[in-house]
C-alpha cells in the first residue's frame, strides 16, 4: 500500500481512500465492476465505498486503482490487503485466514473472507468447514449474541454437519464445526443447537483414534445437558464413554505433523484434560446425596477448564444461562457413539433373540445366530485388547453363547459342541486384558466365569466326553451348579439350566445306548 492510500473493511462494505486534490476522483475496478468517488471538493481525500454483494458473487477479485484529475489519470499500486482477501483455494485460506499469520488480517477482512468462502465454495467441504469455524470462533471471541454473522455461520455449520463426511479429513472437519456450533449454542442459550451439533460431531468418531479432544469435550457438554434434564444414568454413560474412548484412542493414536506442532502425544495430552474433567464430574454425580437434584451439582461444577472459549463463556455468564435454558426445555435422549455402546447393543439384541427361543421352546434356532455370536466374539476381544470393556455386554455375550449351545445340544445339532467349546478360550483372552481398577466388575465377571465353566463341563463331559471326565453324573451336577450360580435371583433361568443340562445328559445316554 502506498502512503496516503488505505482500505478499511466493515461488516457489509469496504472503503478505499487516498490523498487527492480538488477535482480528483478515485476509480476502483474490481470483480468486473467500476466504482468511482465523487470529485474532491472539500478536504484532501478521495473515498470509494464498495458494498460486498458483488464481491461475494465474483470468482476472483483482481483490482485496479486510478486517481483521475482534470490534468491526467495516474495508475496507483494495488492494495496488499485487497489482494489478501482474493482467496481462491483452501491452501490460500489456510495461509491467509486460518494459519498462524491470520491475526495480521483485520477482523472484518477475515470475516469477509469466511462469508465469501461459505457462499462461493459449497462444493469444497474442507474450505467451507474451515471458513465456518473461523467465522464462528470470531463470533465467540466477541461474545455478542446479537452478532450479525450468527445466522450465516449457523446455517452453514448445520449444512456441513448434516452432510456425511468423506475420509478422515472430512470427519475431522465435521468434529471441528460441530464443536464450534456447540459453543455457539451456549452463547445463544440454545441447548437444542448444541445437542444437535455435538452429537453430529461424535457420529463418525473412530474409537481406535483420538484425533482431537473435541470429542471428549462434546460428550462432557452433552452429559451436562442430560444432568439438567434429570437423566443421571444417561450422563454417566456419556462420561464413562469418554474414558473408554480415551483408552482405545491412546492405543491407536498416530498423530505426527511436526509442521503444525503435532507430535505423537499431542492429542493424548490435550485429551487428558477433558478426561480428567469427565472423571471429576462422574465422582461429583456419585456423591450426590439422596433428594438432591443433579442440576445443583451441574450448576456448581467447573467446566471452564475444558477450553479458553468455555472459560470466557463461563466468566460472562453465558454457560450458566445455557444450563438453565436446558432445564426449561425437553431435549432428546443421547447415547454415546463408541464401539463399546454398539457392542453392548448388539450383544443385548442377540441375547434377547436366543433367550426368547429357549424360554418359548422354539423348534429350532436361527441359523444367523451362531454367525452373529462369532462376530461379536471377535469384536469383544478387539475391544478388550484396546482397554474398552462393557461388562454388561460381555455378560450378555457369554449368556447368549450358553443358551445357544444348550438349545442346539437339545436339538442334537453338531454345532452345539463348537459353540460351547468356544467359551473358555474367549474368556481367557478377555480376562487376560482386564485392568483391575474401576473397570473390573466382579459380580459380572464371576457370572461370566460360571457360564464358561458350565459350558466347558457340558461340552467335555456330555457332548464330547473326555476320558478323564468319566464320572458323568458328578460333572453333570457341577455343570448344573455353575450354570445356576450365574443366575442368582432369577429362578426361571436357573430351572431352565437344570432341565437343559439334564436333557443334554439324557441325549448323551441315549446316544451311548444306541
Protein backbone atom coordinates (compact mmCIF):
# COMPACT_ATOMS: atom_id res chain seq x y z
CA UNK A 1 0.00 0.00 0.00
CA UNK A 2 1.40 3.42 -0.93
CA UNK A 3 1.44 6.27 1.60
CA UNK A 4 -1.87 8.02 1.62
CA UNK A 5 -3.86 5.05 0.22
CA UNK A 6 -5.74 2.86 2.66
CA UNK A 7 -8.53 0.31 2.84
CA UNK A 8 -10.90 -0.31 5.73
CA UNK A 9 -13.20 -3.34 6.00
CA UNK A 10 -16.59 -3.03 7.66
CA UNK A 11 -19.32 -5.62 8.22
CA UNK A 12 -21.21 -5.01 4.95
CA UNK A 13 -18.85 -2.90 2.87
CA UNK A 14 -15.28 -1.68 2.47
CA UNK A 15 -13.89 1.81 1.97
CA UNK A 16 -10.82 2.75 -0.06
CA UNK A 17 -9.38 6.22 0.28
CA UNK A 18 -6.33 8.10 -0.94
CA UNK A 19 -4.78 11.54 -0.82
CA UNK A 20 -6.20 13.74 -3.58
CA UNK A 21 -6.51 17.29 -4.72
CA UNK A 22 -9.54 19.36 -5.66
CA UNK A 23 -11.45 17.81 -8.56
CA UNK A 24 -9.64 14.45 -8.29
CA UNK A 25 -11.59 11.21 -8.40
CA UNK A 26 -10.53 7.76 -7.11
CA UNK A 27 -11.53 4.96 -9.52
CA UNK A 28 -11.58 1.32 -8.38
CA UNK A 29 -12.09 -1.54 -10.81
CA UNK A 30 -12.82 -4.86 -9.08
CA UNK A 31 -14.81 -8.01 -9.86
CA UNK A 32 -15.68 -6.70 -13.33
CA UNK A 33 -17.24 -3.51 -11.98
CA UNK A 34 -16.08 0.08 -11.73
CA UNK A 35 -16.60 2.27 -8.68
CA UNK A 36 -15.75 5.97 -8.54
CA UNK A 37 -15.63 8.60 -5.85
CA UNK A 38 -17.20 11.99 -6.42
CA UNK A 39 -14.71 14.75 -7.32
CA UNK A 40 -12.93 16.03 -4.26
CA UNK A 41 -14.39 19.40 -3.39
CA UNK A 42 -13.55 19.80 0.24
CA UNK A 43 -10.58 18.28 2.06
CA UNK A 44 -7.74 16.18 0.70
CA UNK A 45 -9.19 12.63 0.45
CA UNK A 46 -10.97 10.75 -2.33
CA UNK A 47 -13.12 7.93 -0.90
CA UNK A 48 -14.88 4.98 -2.58
CA UNK A 49 -17.38 2.80 -0.70
CA UNK A 50 -17.97 -0.69 -2.15
CA UNK A 51 -20.76 -2.98 -0.99
CA UNK A 52 -19.73 -6.63 -0.53
CA UNK A 53 -22.63 -8.11 -2.53
CA UNK A 54 -20.95 -8.05 -5.98
CA UNK A 55 -17.69 -9.27 -4.44
CA UNK A 56 -19.37 -12.36 -2.99
CA UNK A 57 -20.59 -13.29 -6.48
CA UNK A 58 -17.23 -12.86 -8.22
CA UNK A 59 -14.96 -15.83 -8.97
CA UNK A 60 -11.87 -13.69 -8.36
CA UNK A 61 -11.09 -10.21 -7.09
CA UNK A 62 -8.36 -8.67 -9.27
CA UNK A 63 -8.39 -4.92 -8.85
CA UNK A 64 -7.01 -1.70 -10.30
CA UNK A 65 -6.78 1.75 -8.73
CA UNK A 66 -6.58 5.04 -10.59
CA UNK A 67 -6.53 8.63 -9.47
CA UNK A 68 -8.14 10.77 -12.16
CA UNK A 69 -7.54 14.51 -12.14
CA UNK A 70 -8.55 17.16 -14.69
CA UNK A 71 -4.97 17.08 -15.96
CA UNK A 72 -4.18 13.33 -16.04
CA UNK A 73 -5.01 9.84 -14.80
CA UNK A 74 -2.43 8.08 -12.61
CA UNK A 75 -2.38 4.30 -12.00
CA UNK A 76 -1.97 3.54 -8.29
CA UNK A 77 -0.30 0.41 -6.87
CA UNK A 78 -2.56 -2.47 -5.88
CA UNK A 79 -3.55 -2.72 -2.24
CA UNK A 80 -1.96 -5.66 -0.42
CA UNK A 81 -4.93 -6.00 1.91
CA UNK A 82 -7.32 -6.30 -1.04
CA UNK A 83 -5.07 -8.87 -2.71
CA UNK A 84 -5.01 -10.93 0.50
CA UNK A 85 -8.79 -11.35 0.55
CA UNK A 86 -8.82 -12.60 -3.06
CA UNK A 87 -8.90 -16.23 -1.88
CA UNK A 88 -9.49 -18.96 -4.46
CA UNK A 89 -8.37 -22.19 -2.73
CA UNK A 90 -8.22 -23.98 0.61
CA UNK A 91 -4.44 -23.54 0.69
CA UNK A 92 -4.78 -19.77 0.32
CA UNK A 93 -7.44 -19.71 3.03
CA UNK A 94 -5.15 -21.67 5.36
CA UNK A 95 -2.23 -19.33 4.80
CA UNK A 96 -4.07 -16.02 4.95
CA UNK A 97 -7.06 -16.55 7.25
CA UNK A 98 -6.65 -19.67 9.34
CA UNK A 99 -2.90 -20.06 9.77
CA UNK A 100 -0.55 -18.55 12.36
CA UNK A 101 -0.26 -15.30 10.38
CA UNK A 102 -4.04 -14.85 10.14
CA UNK A 103 -4.16 -12.36 13.01
CA UNK A 104 -2.38 -9.89 10.75
CA UNK A 105 -5.65 -9.76 8.80
CA UNK A 106 -8.19 -7.31 10.17
CA UNK A 107 -11.15 -8.98 11.92
CA UNK A 108 -13.68 -7.67 9.41
CA UNK A 109 -11.41 -8.64 6.50
CA UNK A 110 -11.18 -12.18 7.88
CA UNK A 111 -14.93 -12.31 8.31
CA UNK A 112 -15.42 -11.16 4.71
CA UNK A 113 -13.12 -13.97 3.52
CA UNK A 114 -15.13 -16.50 5.53
CA UNK A 115 -18.50 -15.35 4.24
CA UNK A 116 -17.22 -15.34 0.67
CA UNK A 117 -15.78 -18.87 1.03
CA UNK A 118 -19.02 -20.16 2.57
CA UNK A 119 -21.17 -18.69 -0.21
CA UNK A 120 -18.92 -19.41 -3.18
CA UNK A 121 -17.45 -22.83 -2.34
CA UNK A 122 -20.37 -25.06 -1.40
CA UNK A 123 -18.70 -27.88 -3.36
CA UNK A 124 -15.49 -27.65 -1.31
CA UNK A 125 -16.27 -29.31 2.05
CA UNK A 126 -12.89 -28.60 3.75
CA UNK A 127 -12.86 -24.94 2.66
CA UNK A 128 -16.47 -24.38 3.73
CA UNK A 129 -15.83 -26.08 7.07
CA UNK A 130 -12.66 -24.08 7.71
CA UNK A 131 -14.46 -20.84 6.87
CA UNK A 132 -17.40 -21.70 9.13
CA UNK A 133 -15.01 -22.50 12.00
CA UNK A 134 -13.00 -19.29 11.67
CA UNK A 135 -16.13 -17.15 11.41
CA UNK A 136 -17.75 -18.99 14.31
CA UNK A 137 -14.79 -18.54 16.61
CA UNK A 138 -14.51 -14.84 15.69
CA UNK A 139 -18.12 -14.52 16.85
CA UNK A 140 -17.39 -16.46 20.03
CA UNK A 141 -14.38 -14.29 20.81
CA UNK A 142 -16.60 -11.22 20.57
CA UNK A 143 -19.17 -12.88 22.90
CA UNK A 144 -22.00 -10.92 21.27
CA UNK A 145 -25.23 -12.97 20.99
CA UNK A 146 -26.58 -10.34 18.57
CA UNK A 147 -23.63 -10.58 16.16
CA UNK A 148 -24.93 -10.11 12.61
CA UNK A 149 -22.82 -13.03 11.31
CA UNK A 150 -24.51 -15.60 13.55
CA UNK A 151 -27.18 -16.61 11.02
CA UNK A 152 -24.50 -17.06 8.34
CA UNK A 153 -22.33 -19.38 10.41
CA UNK A 154 -25.25 -21.23 11.95
CA UNK A 155 -26.84 -22.09 8.61
CA UNK A 156 -23.52 -23.03 7.03
CA UNK A 157 -22.45 -25.08 10.03
CA UNK A 158 -25.69 -27.05 10.21
CA UNK A 159 -25.47 -27.84 6.48
CA UNK A 160 -21.92 -29.11 7.00
CA UNK A 161 -22.64 -31.39 9.97
CA UNK A 162 -25.74 -32.81 8.28
CA UNK A 163 -23.63 -33.95 5.34
CA UNK A 164 -21.83 -37.29 5.55
CA UNK A 165 -18.09 -36.53 5.52
CA UNK A 166 -15.68 -38.30 3.20
CA UNK A 167 -12.43 -39.63 4.61
CA UNK A 168 -10.52 -38.78 7.75
CA UNK A 169 -10.11 -35.14 6.82
CA UNK A 170 -13.87 -34.77 6.44
CA UNK A 171 -14.51 -36.45 9.79
CA UNK A 172 -12.04 -34.14 11.46
CA UNK A 173 -13.67 -31.05 9.97
CA UNK A 174 -17.11 -32.27 10.99
CA UNK A 175 -15.94 -32.57 14.60
CA UNK A 176 -14.46 -29.06 14.46
CA UNK A 177 -17.62 -27.49 13.04
CA UNK A 178 -19.83 -29.46 15.44
CA UNK A 179 -17.81 -28.30 18.42
CA UNK A 180 -17.89 -24.68 17.26
CA UNK A 181 -21.68 -24.84 16.83
CA UNK A 182 -21.98 -26.45 20.26
CA UNK A 183 -20.20 -23.43 21.75
CA UNK A 184 -22.33 -21.09 19.65
CA UNK A 185 -25.42 -22.73 21.15
CA UNK A 186 -24.06 -21.81 24.59
CA UNK A 187 -23.64 -18.17 23.56
CA UNK A 188 -27.20 -18.15 22.17
CA UNK A 189 -28.63 -20.08 25.14
CA UNK A 190 -29.84 -22.66 22.60
CA UNK A 191 -29.31 -26.17 24.05
CA UNK A 192 -31.08 -27.77 21.06
CA UNK A 193 -28.45 -26.36 18.69
CA UNK A 194 -25.64 -27.51 20.98
CA UNK A 195 -27.07 -31.00 21.31
CA UNK A 196 -27.55 -31.49 17.58
CA UNK A 197 -24.11 -30.15 16.74
CA UNK A 198 -22.16 -32.03 19.42
CA UNK A 199 -24.00 -35.28 18.69
CA UNK A 200 -23.25 -34.93 14.97
CA UNK A 201 -19.57 -34.37 15.73
CA UNK A 202 -19.50 -37.68 17.60
CA UNK A 203 -21.28 -39.79 14.99
CA UNK A 204 -18.20 -40.68 12.96
CA UNK A 205 -15.70 -40.97 15.78
CA UNK A 206 -13.23 -43.82 15.46
CA UNK A 207 -12.77 -45.41 18.89
CA UNK A 208 -9.31 -46.53 17.81
CA UNK A 209 -8.02 -42.96 17.31
CA UNK A 210 -8.10 -39.87 19.49
CA UNK A 211 -7.84 -37.41 16.58
CA UNK A 212 -8.96 -34.48 18.71
CA UNK A 213 -10.05 -33.64 22.28
CA UNK A 214 -13.22 -32.12 20.80
CA UNK A 215 -14.94 -35.50 21.11
CA UNK A 216 -14.37 -35.69 24.86
CA UNK A 217 -15.32 -32.03 25.36
CA UNK A 218 -18.50 -32.59 23.38
CA UNK A 219 -19.54 -35.61 25.44
CA UNK A 220 -18.97 -33.69 28.68
CA UNK A 221 -21.24 -30.89 27.45
CA UNK A 222 -23.85 -33.43 26.36
CA UNK A 223 -23.61 -35.04 29.80
CA UNK A 224 -24.20 -31.62 31.36
CA UNK A 225 -27.37 -31.24 29.28
CA UNK A 226 -28.52 -34.72 30.37
CA UNK A 227 -27.99 -33.79 34.02
CA UNK A 228 -30.07 -30.65 33.58
CA UNK A 229 -32.79 -32.95 32.23
CA UNK A 230 -32.52 -35.07 35.43
CA UNK A 231 -31.19 -38.01 33.36
CA UNK A 232 -28.30 -39.06 35.58
CA UNK A 233 -27.86 -42.54 34.06
CA UNK A 234 -27.55 -41.10 30.56
CA UNK A 235 -24.95 -38.60 31.76
CA UNK A 236 -22.90 -41.30 33.47
CA UNK A 237 -22.94 -43.41 30.32
CA UNK A 238 -21.57 -40.49 28.30
CA UNK A 239 -18.87 -39.80 30.88
CA UNK A 240 -17.77 -43.44 31.03
CA UNK A 241 -17.64 -43.49 27.24
CA UNK A 242 -15.09 -40.67 27.34
CA UNK A 243 -12.78 -42.87 29.40
CA UNK A 244 -13.40 -45.91 27.17
CA UNK A 245 -12.66 -43.89 24.04
CA UNK A 246 -9.53 -42.41 25.60
CA UNK A 247 -8.08 -45.84 26.32
CA UNK A 248 -8.72 -47.07 22.81
CA UNK A 249 -7.62 -43.79 21.30
CA UNK A 250 -4.31 -43.75 23.12
CA UNK A 251 -3.55 -47.24 21.84
CA UNK A 252 -4.20 -46.18 18.23
CA UNK A 253 -3.07 -42.55 18.24
CA UNK A 254 -0.58 -41.89 15.45
CA UNK A 255 -0.67 -38.10 15.09
CA UNK A 256 2.71 -36.80 13.85
CA UNK A 257 2.61 -33.48 11.97
CA UNK A 258 5.69 -31.50 13.07
CA UNK A 259 4.94 -28.62 10.71
CA UNK A 260 1.71 -27.96 12.62
CA UNK A 261 3.14 -28.62 16.07
CA UNK A 262 1.53 -32.05 16.38
CA UNK A 263 3.60 -34.86 17.79
CA UNK A 264 2.91 -38.42 18.86
CA UNK A 265 1.46 -37.46 22.26
CA UNK A 266 0.00 -34.03 21.47
CA UNK A 267 -3.62 -35.12 21.35
CA UNK A 268 -3.20 -37.56 24.22
CA UNK A 269 -2.00 -34.64 26.33
CA UNK A 270 -4.84 -32.39 25.15
CA UNK A 271 -7.50 -35.06 25.67
CA UNK A 272 -6.27 -35.84 29.17
CA UNK A 273 -7.65 -32.55 30.49
CA UNK A 274 -11.11 -33.44 29.21
CA UNK A 275 -10.87 -36.99 30.58
CA UNK A 276 -9.94 -35.57 33.98
CA UNK A 277 -12.98 -33.29 33.88
CA UNK A 278 -15.20 -36.27 32.99
CA UNK A 279 -13.73 -38.24 35.89
CA UNK A 280 -14.31 -35.37 38.34
CA UNK A 281 -17.88 -34.84 37.13
CA UNK A 282 -18.61 -38.56 37.46
CA UNK A 283 -17.32 -38.51 41.04
CA UNK A 284 -19.45 -35.46 41.79
CA UNK A 285 -22.53 -37.25 40.46
CA UNK A 286 -21.77 -40.35 42.53
CA UNK A 287 -21.57 -38.19 45.65
CA UNK A 288 -24.99 -36.57 45.14
CA UNK A 289 -26.98 -37.09 48.37
CA UNK A 290 -30.47 -38.53 48.20
CA UNK A 291 -33.01 -35.88 47.42
CA UNK A 292 -30.51 -33.51 45.80
CA UNK A 293 -31.07 -32.75 42.12
CA UNK A 294 -28.25 -33.39 39.62
CA UNK A 295 -28.99 -29.86 38.39
CA UNK A 296 -27.41 -28.43 41.54
CA UNK A 297 -24.16 -30.34 41.01
CA UNK A 298 -24.04 -29.36 37.33
CA UNK A 299 -24.52 -25.66 38.01
CA UNK A 300 -21.72 -25.72 40.59
CA UNK A 301 -19.25 -27.80 38.56
CA UNK A 302 -16.28 -26.04 36.95
CA UNK A 303 -16.45 -26.64 33.19
CA UNK A 304 -14.26 -23.64 32.32
CA UNK A 305 -11.01 -25.61 32.19
CA UNK A 306 -12.11 -27.54 29.10
CA UNK A 307 -11.13 -24.74 26.70
CA UNK A 308 -10.41 -21.00 26.62
CA UNK A 309 -13.72 -20.39 24.84
CA UNK A 310 -15.65 -22.19 27.59
CA UNK A 311 -13.77 -20.17 30.20
CA UNK A 312 -14.86 -16.95 28.50
CA UNK A 313 -18.45 -18.17 28.13
CA UNK A 314 -18.47 -19.14 31.80
CA UNK A 315 -16.95 -15.87 33.03
CA UNK A 316 -19.54 -13.84 31.10
CA UNK A 317 -22.45 -15.90 32.47
CA UNK A 318 -23.45 -17.45 29.13
CA UNK A 319 -22.68 -21.02 30.22
CA UNK A 320 -24.88 -20.90 33.32
CA UNK A 321 -27.71 -19.31 31.33
CA UNK A 322 -27.38 -22.12 28.76
CA UNK A 323 -27.67 -24.75 31.50
CA UNK A 324 -30.73 -23.00 32.90
CA UNK A 325 -32.29 -22.94 29.43
CA UNK A 326 -31.65 -26.70 29.15
CA UNK A 327 -33.55 -27.37 32.36
CA UNK A 328 -36.55 -25.49 30.99
CA UNK A 329 -36.85 -27.39 27.69
CA UNK A 330 -37.29 -31.00 26.60
CA UNK A 331 -34.20 -32.42 24.90
CA UNK A 332 -33.93 -35.75 23.14
CA UNK A 333 -32.00 -38.59 24.73
CA UNK A 334 -28.37 -39.02 23.74
CA UNK A 335 -26.34 -42.22 23.59
CA UNK A 336 -22.56 -42.41 23.29
CA UNK A 337 -21.37 -43.36 19.81
CA UNK A 338 -18.49 -45.57 20.85
CA UNK A 339 -17.89 -49.10 19.67
CA UNK A 340 -18.43 -50.20 23.27
CA UNK A 341 -22.01 -48.96 23.11
CA UNK A 342 -22.53 -50.60 19.71
CA UNK A 343 -21.14 -53.88 21.02
CA UNK A 344 -23.37 -53.72 24.09
CA UNK A 345 -26.42 -53.04 21.93
CA UNK A 346 -25.75 -55.94 19.54
CA UNK A 347 -24.93 -58.35 22.37
CA UNK A 348 -28.18 -57.47 24.10
CA UNK A 349 -30.14 -57.97 20.88
CA UNK A 350 -28.61 -61.42 20.32
CA UNK A 351 -29.35 -62.47 23.89
CA UNK A 352 -32.96 -61.29 23.59
CA UNK A 353 -33.46 -63.44 20.48
CA UNK A 354 -31.74 -66.53 21.86
CA UNK A 355 -33.44 -66.32 25.24
CA UNK A 356 -36.84 -65.95 23.60
CA UNK A 357 -36.22 -69.15 21.63
CA UNK A 358 -35.14 -71.01 24.78
CA UNK A 359 -37.91 -69.69 27.01
CA UNK A 360 -40.64 -70.40 24.46
CA UNK A 361 -39.17 -73.76 23.44
CA UNK A 362 -38.88 -72.75 19.79
CA UNK A 363 -38.49 -75.75 17.46
CA UNK A 364 -35.10 -74.56 16.17
CA UNK A 365 -32.54 -71.76 16.38
CA UNK A 366 -31.98 -69.14 13.73
CA UNK A 367 -29.01 -70.06 11.55
CA UNK A 368 -27.79 -66.44 11.73
CA UNK A 369 -27.26 -66.57 15.49
CA UNK A 370 -24.04 -68.64 15.52
CA UNK A 371 -22.65 -66.30 12.85
CA UNK A 372 -23.52 -63.24 14.95
CA UNK A 373 -22.03 -64.95 18.01
CA UNK A 374 -18.71 -65.42 16.20
CA UNK A 375 -18.69 -61.80 15.01
CA UNK A 376 -19.41 -60.46 18.49
CA UNK A 377 -16.73 -62.72 19.96
CA UNK A 378 -14.08 -61.24 17.67
CA UNK A 379 -15.33 -57.73 18.34
CA UNK A 380 -15.25 -58.19 22.12
CA UNK A 381 -11.65 -59.42 22.02
CA UNK A 382 -10.60 -56.45 19.90
CA UNK A 383 -12.31 -54.01 22.26
CA UNK A 384 -10.83 -55.64 25.36
CA UNK A 385 -7.37 -55.60 23.81
CA UNK A 386 -7.75 -51.83 23.37
CA UNK A 387 -8.79 -51.46 27.01
CA UNK A 388 -12.50 -50.99 26.28
CA UNK A 389 -14.84 -53.02 28.48
CA UNK A 390 -18.60 -53.30 28.75
CA UNK A 391 -19.17 -55.94 31.38
CA UNK A 392 -22.91 -55.93 30.77
CA UNK A 393 -22.25 -56.54 27.07
CA UNK A 394 -19.68 -59.25 27.79
CA UNK A 395 -22.10 -60.99 30.17
CA UNK A 396 -24.85 -60.82 27.55
CA UNK A 397 -22.46 -62.42 25.06
CA UNK A 398 -21.48 -65.20 27.49
CA UNK A 399 -25.14 -65.85 28.27
CA UNK A 400 -26.03 -65.88 24.57
CA UNK A 401 -23.34 -68.49 23.93
CA UNK A 402 -24.51 -70.59 26.87
CA UNK A 403 -28.21 -70.64 25.98
CA UNK A 404 -27.48 -71.09 22.28
CA UNK A 405 -25.16 -74.03 22.98
CA UNK A 406 -27.63 -75.75 25.31
CA UNK A 407 -30.50 -75.18 22.90
CA UNK A 408 -28.52 -76.59 19.98
CA UNK A 409 -27.41 -79.55 22.12
CA UNK A 410 -31.03 -80.21 22.99
CA UNK A 411 -31.74 -80.27 19.26
CA UNK A 412 -28.71 -82.57 18.80
CA UNK A 413 -27.06 -80.12 16.45
CA UNK A 414 -23.41 -80.96 15.71
CA UNK A 415 -22.66 -77.22 16.04
CA UNK A 416 -23.52 -77.26 19.76
CA UNK A 417 -20.12 -78.64 20.71
CA UNK A 418 -18.27 -75.88 18.84
CA UNK A 419 -20.42 -73.14 20.36
CA UNK A 420 -19.90 -74.31 23.94
CA UNK A 421 -16.22 -75.15 23.44
CA UNK A 422 -15.55 -71.56 22.36
CA UNK A 423 -16.45 -70.16 25.79
CA UNK A 424 -13.19 -70.97 27.61
CA UNK A 425 -10.66 -69.60 25.08
CA UNK A 426 -12.79 -66.47 24.63
CA UNK A 427 -12.93 -65.83 28.38
CA UNK A 428 -9.18 -66.34 28.74
CA UNK A 429 -8.47 -63.77 26.01
CA UNK A 430 -10.80 -61.18 27.53
CA UNK A 431 -9.80 -61.71 31.16
CA UNK A 432 -6.10 -61.51 30.31
CA UNK A 433 -6.57 -57.82 29.41
CA UNK A 434 -8.58 -56.65 32.44
CA UNK A 435 -7.16 -53.57 34.20
CA UNK A 436 -8.10 -54.35 37.79
CA UNK A 437 -9.19 -50.89 38.78
CA UNK A 438 -12.60 -49.33 38.39
CA UNK A 439 -13.09 -51.19 35.10
CA UNK A 440 -13.38 -54.53 36.92
CA UNK A 441 -17.00 -55.53 37.60
CA UNK A 442 -16.52 -58.56 39.82
CA UNK A 443 -20.18 -59.58 40.02
CA UNK A 444 -20.49 -59.82 36.23
CA UNK A 445 -17.01 -61.32 35.93
CA UNK A 446 -17.99 -64.13 38.30
CA UNK A 447 -21.24 -64.71 36.41
CA UNK A 448 -19.32 -64.92 33.13
CA UNK A 449 -16.90 -67.47 34.58
CA UNK A 450 -19.77 -69.55 35.97
CA UNK A 451 -21.29 -69.74 32.49
CA UNK A 452 -17.89 -70.54 30.97
CA UNK A 453 -17.28 -73.36 33.46
CA UNK A 454 -20.74 -74.80 32.90
CA UNK A 455 -20.24 -74.60 29.12
CA UNK A 456 -16.89 -76.37 29.42
CA UNK A 457 -18.31 -79.18 31.57
CA UNK A 458 -21.34 -79.75 29.34
CA UNK A 459 -19.07 -79.91 26.30
CA UNK A 460 -16.38 -82.17 27.77
CA UNK A 461 -18.49 -84.47 29.93
CA UNK A 462 -21.66 -84.82 27.86
CA UNK A 463 -21.31 -83.70 24.25
CA UNK A 464 -17.71 -84.61 23.54
CA UNK A 465 -16.63 -86.58 26.63
CA UNK A 466 -13.02 -86.67 27.70
CA UNK A 467 -11.79 -89.92 29.32
CA UNK A 468 -10.77 -88.03 32.45
CA UNK A 469 -14.36 -86.94 32.91
CA UNK A 470 -15.75 -90.45 33.11
CA UNK A 471 -17.93 -89.72 36.14
CA UNK A 472 -20.62 -88.07 34.07
CA UNK A 473 -23.06 -87.75 36.94
CA UNK A 474 -20.63 -85.71 39.01
CA UNK A 475 -19.69 -83.45 36.13
CA UNK A 476 -23.31 -83.03 35.12
CA UNK A 477 -24.02 -81.94 38.70
CA UNK A 478 -21.15 -79.45 38.56
CA UNK A 479 -22.27 -78.14 35.17
CA UNK A 480 -25.74 -77.56 36.60
CA UNK A 481 -24.36 -75.93 39.75
CA UNK A 482 -22.16 -73.48 37.88
CA UNK A 483 -24.88 -72.65 35.36
CA UNK A 484 -27.44 -71.97 38.08
CA UNK A 485 -24.99 -69.84 40.10
CA UNK A 486 -24.80 -67.39 37.18
CA UNK A 487 -28.50 -66.61 37.64
CA UNK A 488 -28.82 -65.80 41.32
CA UNK A 489 -32.22 -64.30 41.90
CA UNK A 490 -33.54 -65.47 38.50
CA UNK A 491 -35.30 -68.69 39.42
CA UNK A 492 -36.86 -69.16 35.99
CA UNK A 493 -33.48 -69.20 34.26
CA UNK A 494 -31.95 -71.37 36.98
CA UNK A 495 -34.68 -74.00 36.46
CA UNK A 496 -34.10 -73.97 32.72
CA UNK A 497 -30.38 -74.57 33.31
CA UNK A 498 -31.26 -77.70 35.28
CA UNK A 499 -33.67 -79.04 32.67
CA UNK A 500 -31.46 -78.28 29.66
CA UNK A 501 -28.29 -79.74 31.20
CA UNK A 502 -30.30 -82.83 32.17
CA UNK A 503 -31.61 -83.05 28.61
CA UNK A 504 -28.03 -82.95 27.32
CA UNK A 505 -27.18 -85.82 29.67
CA UNK A 506 -30.22 -87.80 28.55
CA UNK A 507 -29.26 -87.26 24.91
CA UNK A 508 -25.73 -88.45 25.65
CA UNK A 509 -27.04 -91.56 27.44
CA UNK A 510 -29.40 -92.37 24.56
CA UNK A 511 -26.55 -91.94 22.10
CA UNK A 512 -24.31 -94.34 24.04
CA UNK A 513 -27.08 -96.94 24.38
CA UNK A 514 -27.85 -96.82 20.68
